[in-house]
Amino acid sequence: MSEKPILITWKLKQVMTRHKIAAKDLADKLGLSRNSVSHWRKPDMPKLNGEDLNNLLLALNSLRRKERKPIQLSDLLVFSYTLDEAEEAQIRDL
């Protein structure tokens, strides 16, 4: 049986790097441990409910540099319709 292709990529790590948001600061803002935030930063999307996503976006936006545009859900997720498209965007390497 072949593996199902991964067409959704979680980009929290890249968003945090781009906005210079430290894992400790995000953990403190969310009331979580640094280990929890480290787990969320992995490329596989964590199991988050709507409230978790809402709180994450609020925390990220409160910590981002104000001269940068607001962080949106679409910044955290990349969806590719095909494996070729995923490979072309090199999202597996992020």
PDB file of N, CA and C in Angstrom:
ATOM      1  N   MET A   1       0.846  -1.176   0.000  1.00  0.00           N
ATOM      2  CA  MET A   1       0.000   0.000   0.000  1.00  0.00           C
ATOM      3  C   MET A   1       0.895   1.244   0.000  1.00  0.00           C
ATOM      4  N   SER A   2       0.653   2.163  -0.908  1.00  0.00           N
ATOM      5  CA  SER A   2       1.490   3.365  -0.984  1.00  0.00           C
ATOM      6  C   SER A   2       1.021   4.404   0.026  1.00  0.00           C
ATOM      7  N   GLU A   3       1.969   5.239   0.430  1.00  0.00           N
ATOM      8  CA  GLU A   3       1.651   6.304   1.372  1.00  0.00           C
ATOM      9  C   GLU A   3       0.845   7.378   0.670  1.00  0.00           C
ATOM     10  N   LYS A   4      -0.058   8.002   1.430  1.00  0.00           N
ATOM     11  CA  LYS A   4      -0.803   9.120   0.876  1.00  0.00           C
ATOM     12  C   LYS A   4       0.129  10.323   0.833  1.00  0.00           C
ATOM     13  N   PRO A   5       0.065  11.100  -0.238  1.00  0.00           N
ATOM     14  CA  PRO A   5       0.925  12.273  -0.317  1.00  0.00           C
ATOM     15  C   PRO A   5       0.509  13.329   0.708  1.00  0.00           C
ATOM     16  N   ILE A   6       1.491  14.052   1.208  1.00  0.00           N
ATOM     17  CA  ILE A   6       1.220  15.143   2.141  1.00  0.00           C
ATOM     18  C   ILE A   6       1.077  16.405   1.307  1.00  0.00           C
ATOM     19  N   LEU A   7      -0.126  16.943   1.273  1.00  0.00           N
ATOM     20  CA  LEU A   7      -0.387  18.109   0.453  1.00  0.00           C
ATOM     21  C   LEU A   7      -0.606  19.369   1.286  1.00  0.00           C
ATOM     22  N   ILE A   8      -0.659  19.238   2.612  1.00  0.00           N
ATOM     23  CA  ILE A   8      -0.788  20.389   3.494  1.00  0.00           C
ATOM     24  C   ILE A   8       0.488  20.481   4.316  1.00  0.00           C
ATOM     25  N   THR A   9       1.114  21.646   4.283  1.00  0.00           N
ATOM     26  CA  THR A   9       2.334  21.855   5.047  1.00  0.00           C
ATOM     27  C   THR A   9       2.108  22.972   6.057  1.00  0.00           C
ATOM     28  N   TRP A  10       2.502  22.714   7.273  1.00  0.00           N
ATOM     29  CA  TRP A  10       2.385  23.642   8.395  1.00  0.00           C
ATOM     30  C   TRP A  10       3.644  24.489   8.448  1.00  0.00           C
ATOM     31  N   LYS A  11       3.511  25.811   8.481  1.00  0.00           N
ATOM     32  CA  LYS A  11       4.663  26.695   8.361  1.00  0.00           C
ATOM     33  C   LYS A  11       4.861  27.612   9.578  1.00  0.00           C
ATOM     34  N   LEU A  12       4.495  27.154  10.752  1.00  0.00           N
ATOM     35  CA  LEU A  12       4.656  27.990  11.944  1.00  0.00           C
ATOM     36  C   LEU A  12       6.115  28.385  12.146  1.00  0.00           C
ATOM     37  N   LYS A  13       7.021  27.452  11.974  1.00  0.00           N
ATOM     38  CA  LYS A  13       8.444  27.742  12.181  1.00  0.00           C
ATOM     39  C   LYS A  13       8.911  28.872  11.260  1.00  0.00           C
ATOM     40  N   GLN A  14       8.536  28.805   9.985  1.00  0.00           N
ATOM     41  CA  GLN A  14       8.946  29.819   9.028  1.00  0.00           C
ATOM     42  C   GLN A  14       8.330  31.178   9.360  1.00  0.00           C
ATOM     43  N   VAL A  15       7.055  31.168   9.772  1.00  0.00           N
ATOM     44  CA  VAL A  15       6.379  32.422  10.133  1.00  0.00           C
ATOM     45  C   VAL A  15       7.063  33.052  11.346  1.00  0.00           C
ATOM     46  N   MET A  16       7.385  32.231  12.340  1.00  0.00           N
ATOM     47  CA  MET A  16       8.050  32.752  13.533  1.00  0.00           C
ATOM     48  C   MET A  16       9.428  33.316  13.184  1.00  0.00           C
ATOM     49  N   THR A  17      10.158  32.639  12.328  1.00  0.00           N
ATOM     50  CA  THR A  17      11.477  33.118  11.916  1.00  0.00           C
ATOM     51  C   THR A  17      11.356  34.435  11.165  1.00  0.00           C
ATOM     52  N   ARG A  18      10.429  34.487  10.207  1.00  0.00           N
ATOM     53  CA  ARG A  18      10.246  35.696   9.397  1.00  0.00           C
ATOM     54  C   ARG A  18       9.891  36.907  10.264  1.00  0.00           C
ATOM     55  N   HIS A  19       9.115  36.676  11.313  1.00  0.00           N
ATOM     56  CA  HIS A  19       8.659  37.771  12.176  1.00  0.00           C
ATOM     57  C   HIS A  19       9.498  37.913  13.446  1.00  0.00           C
ATOM     58  N   LYS A  20      10.573  37.131  13.529  1.00  0.00           N
ATOM     59  CA  LYS A  20      11.492  37.182  14.677  1.00  0.00           C
ATOM     60  C   LYS A  20      10.748  36.990  16.011  1.00  0.00           C
ATOM     61  N   ILE A  21       9.926  35.947  16.041  1.00  0.00           N
ATOM     62  CA  ILE A  21       9.173  35.601  17.247  1.00  0.00           C
ATOM     63  C   ILE A  21       9.850  34.401  17.895  1.00  0.00           C
ATOM     64  N   ALA A  22      10.285  34.564  19.123  1.00  0.00           N
ATOM     65  CA  ALA A  22      10.965  33.493  19.849  1.00  0.00           C
ATOM     66  C   ALA A  22       9.955  32.493  20.395  1.00  0.00           C
ATOM     67  N   ALA A  23      10.343  31.225  20.415  1.00  0.00           N
ATOM     68  CA  ALA A  23       9.468  30.166  20.934  1.00  0.00           C
ATOM     69  C   ALA A  23       9.087  30.446  22.386  1.00  0.00           C
ATOM     70  N   LYS A  24      10.025  30.933  23.183  1.00  0.00           N
ATOM     71  CA  LYS A  24       9.748  31.231  24.588  1.00  0.00           C
ATOM     72  C   LYS A  24       8.682  32.323  24.707  1.00  0.00           C
ATOM     73  N   ASP A  25       8.783  33.354  23.875  1.00  0.00           N
ATOM     74  CA  ASP A  25       7.801  34.444  23.914  1.00  0.00           C
ATOM     75  C   ASP A  25       6.413  33.952  23.532  1.00  0.00           C
ATOM     76  N   LEU A  26       6.342  33.113  22.498  1.00  0.00           N
ATOM     77  CA  LEU A  26       5.053  32.572  22.078  1.00  0.00           C
ATOM     78  C   LEU A  26       4.484  31.656  23.163  1.00  0.00           C
ATOM     79  N   ALA A  27       5.333  30.824  23.741  1.00  0.00           N
ATOM     80  CA  ALA A  27       4.887  29.930  24.818  1.00  0.00           C
ATOM     81  C   ALA A  27       4.337  30.744  25.985  1.00  0.00           C
ATOM     82  N   ASP A  28       5.046  31.798  26.379  1.00  0.00           N
ATOM     83  CA  ASP A  28       4.590  32.645  27.485  1.00  0.00           C
ATOM     84  C   ASP A  28       3.253  33.301  27.160  1.00  0.00           C
ATOM     85  N   LYS A  29       3.115  33.798  25.941  1.00  0.00           N
ATOM     86  CA  LYS A  29       1.884  34.482  25.529  1.00  0.00           C
ATOM     87  C   LYS A  29       0.689  33.526  25.534  1.00  0.00           C
ATOM     88  N   LEU A  30       0.935  32.275  25.153  1.00  0.00           N
ATOM     89  CA  LEU A  30      -0.142  31.278  25.088  1.00  0.00           C
ATOM     90  C   LEU A  30      -0.343  30.536  26.402  1.00  0.00           C
ATOM     91  N   GLY A  31       0.586  30.706  27.349  1.00  0.00           N
ATOM     92  CA  GLY A  31       0.491  29.964  28.609  1.00  0.00           C
ATOM     93  C   GLY A  31       0.821  28.496  28.433  1.00  0.00           C
ATOM     94  N   LEU A  32       1.735  28.216  27.499  1.00  0.00           N
ATOM     95  CA  LEU A  32       2.146  26.841  27.215  1.00  0.00           C
ATOM     96  C   LEU A  32       3.615  26.659  27.567  1.00  0.00           C
ATOM     97  N   SER A  33       4.049  25.415  27.573  1.00  0.00           N
ATOM     98  CA  SER A  33       5.471  25.137  27.775  1.00  0.00           C
ATOM     99  C   SER A  33       6.218  25.365  26.458  1.00  0.00           C
ATOM    100  N   ARG A  34       7.526  25.565  26.566  1.00  0.00           N
ATOM    101  CA  ARG A  34       8.340  25.708  25.355  1.00  0.00           C
ATOM    102  C   ARG A  34       8.318  24.404  24.550  1.00  0.00           C
ATOM    103  N   ASN A  35       8.200  23.272  25.238  1.00  0.00           N
ATOM    104  CA  ASN A  35       8.120  21.986  24.527  1.00  0.00           C
ATOM    105  C   ASN A  35       6.880  21.912  23.647  1.00  0.00           C
ATOM    106  N   SER A  36       5.762  22.427  24.140  1.00  0.00           N
ATOM    107  CA  SER A  36       4.535  22.426  23.339  1.00  0.00           C
ATOM    108  C   SER A  36       4.719  23.254  22.076  1.00  0.00           C
ATOM    109  N   VAL A  37       5.306  24.434  22.232  1.00  0.00           N
ATOM    110  CA  VAL A  37       5.537  25.290  21.070  1.00  0.00           C
ATOM    111  C   VAL A  37       6.531  24.628  20.122  1.00  0.00           C
ATOM    112  N   SER A  38       7.564  23.984  20.666  1.00  0.00           N
ATOM    113  CA  SER A  38       8.526  23.269  19.815  1.00  0.00           C
ATOM    114  C   SER A  38       7.826  22.188  19.010  1.00  0.00           C
ATOM    115  N   HIS A  39       6.901  21.485  19.630  1.00  0.00           N
ATOM    116  CA  HIS A  39       6.127  20.453  18.924  1.00  0.00           C
ATOM    117  C   HIS A  39       5.291  21.091  17.811  1.00  0.00           C
ATOM    118  N   TRP A  40       4.679  22.229  18.086  1.00  0.00           N
ATOM    119  CA  TRP A  40       3.857  22.910  17.087  1.00  0.00           C
ATOM    120  C   TRP A  40       4.686  23.408  15.911  1.00  0.00           C
ATOM    121  N   ARG A  41       5.983  23.644  16.113  1.00  0.00           N
ATOM    122  CA  ARG A  41       6.841  24.192  15.056  1.00  0.00           C
ATOM    123  C   ARG A  41       7.283  23.140  14.041  1.00  0.00           C
ATOM    124  N   LYS A  42       7.025  21.882  14.303  1.00  0.00           N
ATOM    125  CA  LYS A  42       7.409  20.827  13.355  1.00  0.00           C
ATOM    126  C   LYS A  42       6.576  20.940  12.080  1.00  0.00           C
ATOM    127  N   PRO A  43       7.088  20.420  10.951  1.00  0.00           N
ATOM    128  CA  PRO A  43       6.375  20.557   9.668  1.00  0.00           C
ATOM    129  C   PRO A  43       5.006  19.880   9.607  1.00  0.00           C
ATOM    130  N   ASP A  44       4.797  18.838  10.403  1.00  0.00           N
ATOM    131  CA  ASP A  44       3.491  18.179  10.401  1.00  0.00           C
ATOM    132  C   ASP A  44       2.517  19.010  11.216  1.00  0.00           C
ATOM    133  N   MET A  45       1.387  19.315  10.620  1.00  0.00           N
ATOM    134  CA  MET A  45       0.418  20.165  11.314  1.00  0.00           C
ATOM    135  C   MET A  45      -0.052  19.494  12.596  1.00  0.00           C
ATOM    136  N   PRO A  46       0.027  20.216  13.721  1.00  0.00           N
ATOM    137  CA  PRO A  46      -0.447  19.641  14.984  1.00  0.00           C
ATOM    138  C   PRO A  46      -1.972  19.593  15.008  1.00  0.00           C
ATOM    139  N   LYS A  47      -2.505  18.802  15.894  1.00  0.00           N
ATOM    140  CA  LYS A  47      -3.958  18.726  16.045  1.00  0.00           C
ATOM    141  C   LYS A  47      -4.411  19.919  16.884  1.00  0.00           C
ATOM    142  N   LEU A  48      -4.934  20.926  16.203  1.00  0.00           N
ATOM    143  CA  LEU A  48      -5.405  22.146  16.849  1.00  0.00           C
ATOM    144  C   LEU A  48      -6.871  22.346  16.519  1.00  0.00           C
ATOM    145  N   ASN A  49      -7.640  22.762  17.496  1.00  0.00           N
ATOM    146  CA  ASN A  49      -9.039  23.081  17.216  1.00  0.00           C
ATOM    147  C   ASN A  49      -9.145  24.561  16.844  1.00  0.00           C
ATOM    148  N   GLY A  50     -10.329  25.012  16.541  1.00  0.00           N
ATOM    149  CA  GLY A  50     -10.536  26.394  16.126  1.00  0.00           C
ATOM    150  C   GLY A  50     -10.103  27.397  17.178  1.00  0.00           C
ATOM    151  N   GLU A  51     -10.380  27.107  18.424  1.00  0.00           N
ATOM    152  CA  GLU A  51      -9.983  28.014  19.508  1.00  0.00           C
ATOM    153  C   GLU A  51      -8.457  28.100  19.609  1.00  0.00           C
ATOM    154  N   ASP A  52      -7.785  26.958  19.468  1.00  0.00           N
ATOM    155  CA  ASP A  52      -6.315  26.946  19.494  1.00  0.00           C
ATOM    156  C   ASP A  52      -5.743  27.791  18.352  1.00  0.00           C
ATOM    157  N   LEU A  53      -6.286  27.615  17.145  1.00  0.00           N
ATOM    158  CA  LEU A  53      -5.810  28.389  15.988  1.00  0.00           C
ATOM    159  C   LEU A  53      -6.054  29.878  16.194  1.00  0.00           C
ATOM    160  N   ASN A  54      -7.229  30.225  16.720  1.00  0.00           N
ATOM    161  CA  ASN A  54      -7.551  31.615  16.988  1.00  0.00           C
ATOM    162  C   ASN A  54      -6.563  32.205  17.994  1.00  0.00           C
ATOM    163  N   ASN A  55      -6.310  31.491  19.087  1.00  0.00           N
ATOM    164  CA  ASN A  55      -5.380  31.968  20.103  1.00  0.00           C
ATOM    165  C   ASN A  55      -3.957  32.071  19.558  1.00  0.00           C
ATOM    166  N   LEU A  56      -3.574  31.122  18.721  1.00  0.00           N
ATOM    167  CA  LEU A  56      -2.246  31.158  18.117  1.00  0.00           C
ATOM    168  C   LEU A  56      -2.091  32.396  17.235  1.00  0.00           C
ATOM    169  N   LEU A  57      -3.077  32.665  16.392  1.00  0.00           N
ATOM    170  CA  LEU A  57      -3.003  33.840  15.520  1.00  0.00           C
ATOM    171  C   LEU A  57      -2.993  35.135  16.326  1.00  0.00           C
ATOM    172  N   LEU A  58      -3.806  35.208  17.378  1.00  0.00           N
ATOM    173  CA  LEU A  58      -3.805  36.405  18.230  1.00  0.00           C
ATOM    174  C   LEU A  58      -2.435  36.607  18.874  1.00  0.00           C
ATOM    175  N   ALA A  59      -1.852  35.525  19.388  1.00  0.00           N
ATOM    176  CA  ALA A  59      -0.543  35.612  20.040  1.00  0.00           C
ATOM    177  C   ALA A  59       0.542  35.997  19.040  1.00  0.00           C
ATOM    178  N   LEU A  60       0.549  35.357  17.882  1.00  0.00           N
ATOM    179  CA  LEU A  60       1.550  35.689  16.859  1.00  0.00           C
ATOM    180  C   LEU A  60       1.462  37.161  16.457  1.00  0.00           C
ATOM    181  N   ASN A  61       0.249  37.644  16.270  1.00  0.00           N
ATOM    182  CA  ASN A  61       0.083  39.033  15.851  1.00  0.00           C
ATOM    183  C   ASN A  61       0.434  40.018  16.952  1.00  0.00           C
ATOM    184  N   SER A  62       0.257  39.635  18.194  1.00  0.00           N
ATOM    185  CA  SER A  62       0.652  40.536  19.281  1.00  0.00           C
ATOM    186  C   SER A  62       2.173  40.584  19.432  1.00  0.00           C
ATOM    187  N   LEU A  63       2.875  39.545  18.957  1.00  0.00           N
ATOM    188  CA  LEU A  63       4.331  39.479  19.074  1.00  0.00           C
ATOM    189  C   LEU A  63       5.070  39.924  17.810  1.00  0.00           C
ATOM    190  N   ARG A  64       4.372  40.027  16.697  1.00  0.00           N
ATOM    191  CA  ARG A  64       5.041  40.392  15.443  1.00  0.00           C
ATOM    192  C   ARG A  64       5.485  41.848  15.490  1.00  0.00           C
ATOM    193  N   ARG A  65       6.440  42.152  14.635  1.00  0.00           N
ATOM    194  CA  ARG A  65       6.864  43.541  14.486  1.00  0.00           C
ATOM    195  C   ARG A  65       5.724  44.311  13.835  1.00  0.00           C
ATOM    196  N   LYS A  66       5.380  45.432  14.400  1.00  0.00           N
ATOM    197  CA  LYS A  66       4.180  46.164  13.961  1.00  0.00           C
ATOM    198  C   LYS A  66       4.287  46.715  12.545  1.00  0.00           C
ATOM    199  N   GLU A  67       5.494  46.873  12.031  1.00  0.00           N
ATOM    200  CA  GLU A  67       5.628  47.366  10.664  1.00  0.00           C
ATOM    201  C   GLU A  67       5.352  46.271   9.636  1.00  0.00           C
ATOM    202  N   ARG A  68       5.259  45.022  10.082  1.00  0.00           N
ATOM    203  CA  ARG A  68       4.963  43.896   9.181  1.00  0.00           C
ATOM    204  C   ARG A  68       3.455  43.717   9.077  1.00  0.00           C
ATOM    205  N   LYS A  69       3.024  43.157   7.967  1.00  0.00           N
ATOM    206  CA  LYS A  69       1.582  42.918   7.786  1.00  0.00           C
ATOM    207  C   LYS A  69       1.110  41.857   8.777  1.00  0.00           C
ATOM    208  N   PRO A  70      -0.167  41.884   9.140  1.00  0.00           N
ATOM    209  CA  PRO A  70      -0.695  40.892  10.083  1.00  0.00           C
ATOM    210  C   PRO A  70      -0.522  39.462   9.569  1.00  0.00           C
ATOM    211  N   ILE A  71      -0.304  38.564  10.501  1.00  0.00           N
ATOM    212  CA  ILE A  71      -0.157  37.141  10.193  1.00  0.00           C
ATOM    213  C   ILE A  71      -1.547  36.542  10.073  1.00  0.00           C
ATOM    214  N   GLN A  72      -1.779  35.808   8.997  1.00  0.00           N
ATOM    215  CA  GLN A  72      -3.077  35.195   8.748  1.00  0.00           C
ATOM    216  C   GLN A  72      -2.940  33.676   8.699  1.00  0.00           C
ATOM    217  N   LEU A  73      -4.061  33.001   8.778  1.00  0.00           N
ATOM    218  CA  LEU A  73      -4.062  31.546   8.714  1.00  0.00           C
ATOM    219  C   LEU A  73      -3.391  31.052   7.434  1.00  0.00           C
ATOM    220  N   SER A  74      -3.596  31.758   6.344  1.00  0.00           N
ATOM    221  CA  SER A  74      -2.994  31.352   5.068  1.00  0.00           C
ATOM    222  C   SER A  74      -1.466  31.453   5.091  1.00  0.00           C
ATOM    223  N   ASP A  75      -0.904  32.204   6.036  1.00  0.00           N
ATOM    224  CA  ASP A  75       0.553  32.250   6.193  1.00  0.00           C
ATOM    225  C   ASP A  75       1.068  30.980   6.868  1.00  0.00           C
ATOM    226  N   LEU A  76       0.217  30.338   7.648  1.00  0.00           N
ATOM    227  CA  LEU A  76       0.622  29.151   8.411  1.00  0.00           C
ATOM    228  C   LEU A  76       0.461  27.848   7.634  1.00  0.00           C
ATOM    229  N   LEU A  77      -0.381  27.850   6.620  1.00  0.00           N
ATOM    230  CA  LEU A  77      -0.683  26.627   5.867  1.00  0.00           C
ATOM    231  C   LEU A  77      -0.370  26.796   4.392  1.00  0.00           C
ATOM    232  N   VAL A  78       0.236  25.774   3.808  1.00  0.00           N
ATOM    233  CA  VAL A  78       0.423  25.726   2.358  1.00  0.00           C
ATOM    234  C   VAL A  78      -0.288  24.475   1.877  1.00  0.00           C
ATOM    235  N   PHE A  79      -1.161  24.645   0.910  1.00  0.00           N
ATOM    236  CA  PHE A  79      -1.865  23.502   0.330  1.00  0.00           C
ATOM    237  C   PHE A  79      -1.480  23.383  -1.125  1.00  0.00           C
ATOM    238  N   SER A  80      -1.112  22.198  -1.546  1.00  0.00           N
ATOM    239  CA  SER A  80      -0.777  21.925  -2.944  1.00  0.00           C
ATOM    240  C   SER A  80      -1.779  20.933  -3.491  1.00  0.00           C
ATOM    241  N   TYR A  81      -2.244  21.183  -4.680  1.00  0.00           N
ATOM    242  CA  TYR A  81      -3.242  20.310  -5.290  1.00  0.00           C
ATOM    243  C   TYR A  81      -2.656  19.014  -5.807  1.00  0.00           C
ATOM    244  N   THR A  82      -1.386  19.037  -6.177  1.00  0.00           N
ATOM    245  CA  THR A  82      -0.758  17.839  -6.709  1.00  0.00           C
ATOM    246  C   THR A  82       0.629  17.662  -6.093  1.00  0.00           C
ATOM    247  N   LEU A  83       1.156  16.452  -6.179  1.00  0.00           N
ATOM    248  CA  LEU A  83       2.520  16.215  -5.704  1.00  0.00           C
ATOM    249  C   LEU A  83       3.532  17.001  -6.521  1.00  0.00           C
ATOM    250  N   ASP A  84       3.298  17.119  -7.827  1.00  0.00           N
ATOM    251  CA  ASP A  84       4.204  17.892  -8.667  1.00  0.00           C
ATOM    252  C   ASP A  84       4.262  19.342  -8.198  1.00  0.00           C
ATOM    253  N   GLU A  85       3.108  19.887  -7.868  1.00  0.00           N
ATOM    254  CA  GLU A  85       3.056  21.263  -7.391  1.00  0.00           C
ATOM    255  C   GLU A  85       3.789  21.391  -6.054  1.00  0.00           C
ATOM    256  N   ALA A  86       3.634  20.406  -5.191  1.00  0.00           N
ATOM    257  CA  ALA A  86       4.328  20.417  -3.905  1.00  0.00           C
ATOM    258  C   ALA A  86       5.839  20.367  -4.106  1.00  0.00           C
ATOM    259  N   GLU A  87       6.284  19.515  -5.003  1.00  0.00           N
ATOM    260  CA  GLU A  87       7.718  19.407  -5.272  1.00  0.00           C
ATOM    261  C   GLU A  87       8.254  20.683  -5.908  1.00  0.00           C
ATOM    262  N   GLU A  88       7.473  21.287  -6.797  1.00  0.00           N
ATOM    263  CA  GLU A  88       7.903  22.518  -7.443  1.00  0.00           C
ATOM    264  C   GLU A  88       8.067  23.634  -6.405  1.00  0.00           C
ATOM    265  N   ALA A  89       7.178  23.705  -5.433  1.00  0.00           N
ATOM    266  CA  ALA A  89       7.261  24.717  -4.394  1.00  0.00           C
ATOM    267  C   ALA A  89       8.277  24.337  -3.316  1.00  0.00           C
ATOM    268  N   GLN A  90       8.805  23.127  -3.384  1.00  0.00           N
ATOM    269  CA  GLN A  90       9.795  22.600  -2.432  1.00  0.00           C
ATOM    270  C   GLN A  90       9.293  22.672  -0.997  1.00  0.00           C
ATOM    271  N   ILE A  91       7.986  22.454  -0.802  1.00  0.00           N
ATOM    272  CA  ILE A  91       7.457  22.560   0.550  1.00  0.00           C
ATOM    273  C   ILE A  91       7.865  21.384   1.416  1.00  0.00           C
ATOM    274  N   ARG A  92       8.296  20.304   0.822  1.00  0.00           N
ATOM    275  CA  ARG A  92       8.740  19.162   1.630  1.00  0.00           C
ATOM    276  C   ARG A  92      10.081  19.462   2.317  1.00  0.00           C
ATOM    277  N   ASP A  93      10.830  20.416   1.778  1.00  0.00           N
ATOM    278  CA  ASP A  93      12.144  20.758   2.334  1.00  0.00           C
ATOM    279  C   ASP A  93      12.062  21.837   3.394  1.00  0.00           C
ATOM    280  N   LEU A  94      10.917  22.434   3.608  1.00  0.00           N
ATOM    281  CA  LEU A  94      10.820  23.544   4.569  1.00  0.00           C
ATOM    282  C   LEU A  94      10.859  23.069   5.988  1.00  0.00           C
TER     283      LEU A  94
END
